[in-house]
């Protein structure tokens, strides 16, 4: 869903994340700064 924050971290050494998606990755579609994300959420209320 739109405006869903997801953090994937704390992996074991040499582990791998496998992600499946119906869309190609476009970095412009993502917010990487949590404070920016929170500001956008508060502006949408």
Protein backbone atom coordinates (compact mmCIF):
# COMPACT_ATOMS: atom_id res chain seq x y z
CA UNK A 1 0.00 0.00 0.00
CA UNK A 2 1.04 3.60 -0.50
CA UNK A 3 2.78 5.40 2.41
CA UNK A 4 3.78 2.17 4.17
CA UNK A 5 7.18 2.40 5.92
CA UNK A 6 9.23 -0.78 5.82
CA UNK A 7 12.66 -1.26 7.38
CA UNK A 8 14.63 -4.41 6.68
CA UNK A 9 17.73 -4.72 8.85
CA UNK A 10 19.64 -6.73 11.46
CA UNK A 11 20.60 -9.58 9.17
CA UNK A 12 23.01 -12.34 10.02
CA UNK A 13 26.44 -12.18 8.43
CA UNK A 14 26.38 -13.21 4.74
CA UNK A 15 22.59 -13.37 4.66
CA UNK A 16 20.57 -12.37 1.58
CA UNK A 17 17.19 -10.68 1.12
CA UNK A 18 15.04 -11.98 -1.72
CA UNK A 19 12.30 -9.55 -2.76
CA UNK A 20 9.49 -10.26 -5.23
CA UNK A 21 7.62 -7.39 -6.81
CA UNK A 22 5.11 -6.82 -9.58
CA UNK A 23 6.89 -3.58 -10.57
CA UNK A 24 10.45 -2.67 -11.50
CA UNK A 25 12.37 -0.81 -8.80
CA UNK A 26 12.33 2.97 -9.27
CA UNK A 27 14.25 4.81 -6.53
CA UNK A 28 12.18 7.97 -7.11
CA UNK A 29 9.13 6.06 -5.81
CA UNK A 30 10.68 5.69 -2.34
CA UNK A 31 11.34 7.90 0.68
CA UNK A 32 14.55 6.84 2.44
CA UNK A 33 14.48 9.37 5.28
CA UNK A 34 12.08 8.48 8.12
CA UNK A 35 11.72 12.11 9.26
CA UNK A 36 10.69 13.12 5.72
CA UNK A 37 8.20 10.23 5.72
CA UNK A 38 6.66 11.37 9.02
CA UNK A 39 6.40 14.96 7.74
CA UNK A 40 4.59 13.78 4.61
CA UNK A 41 2.18 11.72 6.73
CA UNK A 42 1.34 14.66 8.97
CA UNK A 43 0.73 16.86 5.90
CA UNK A 44 -1.74 14.28 4.51
CA UNK A 45 -4.05 14.42 7.56
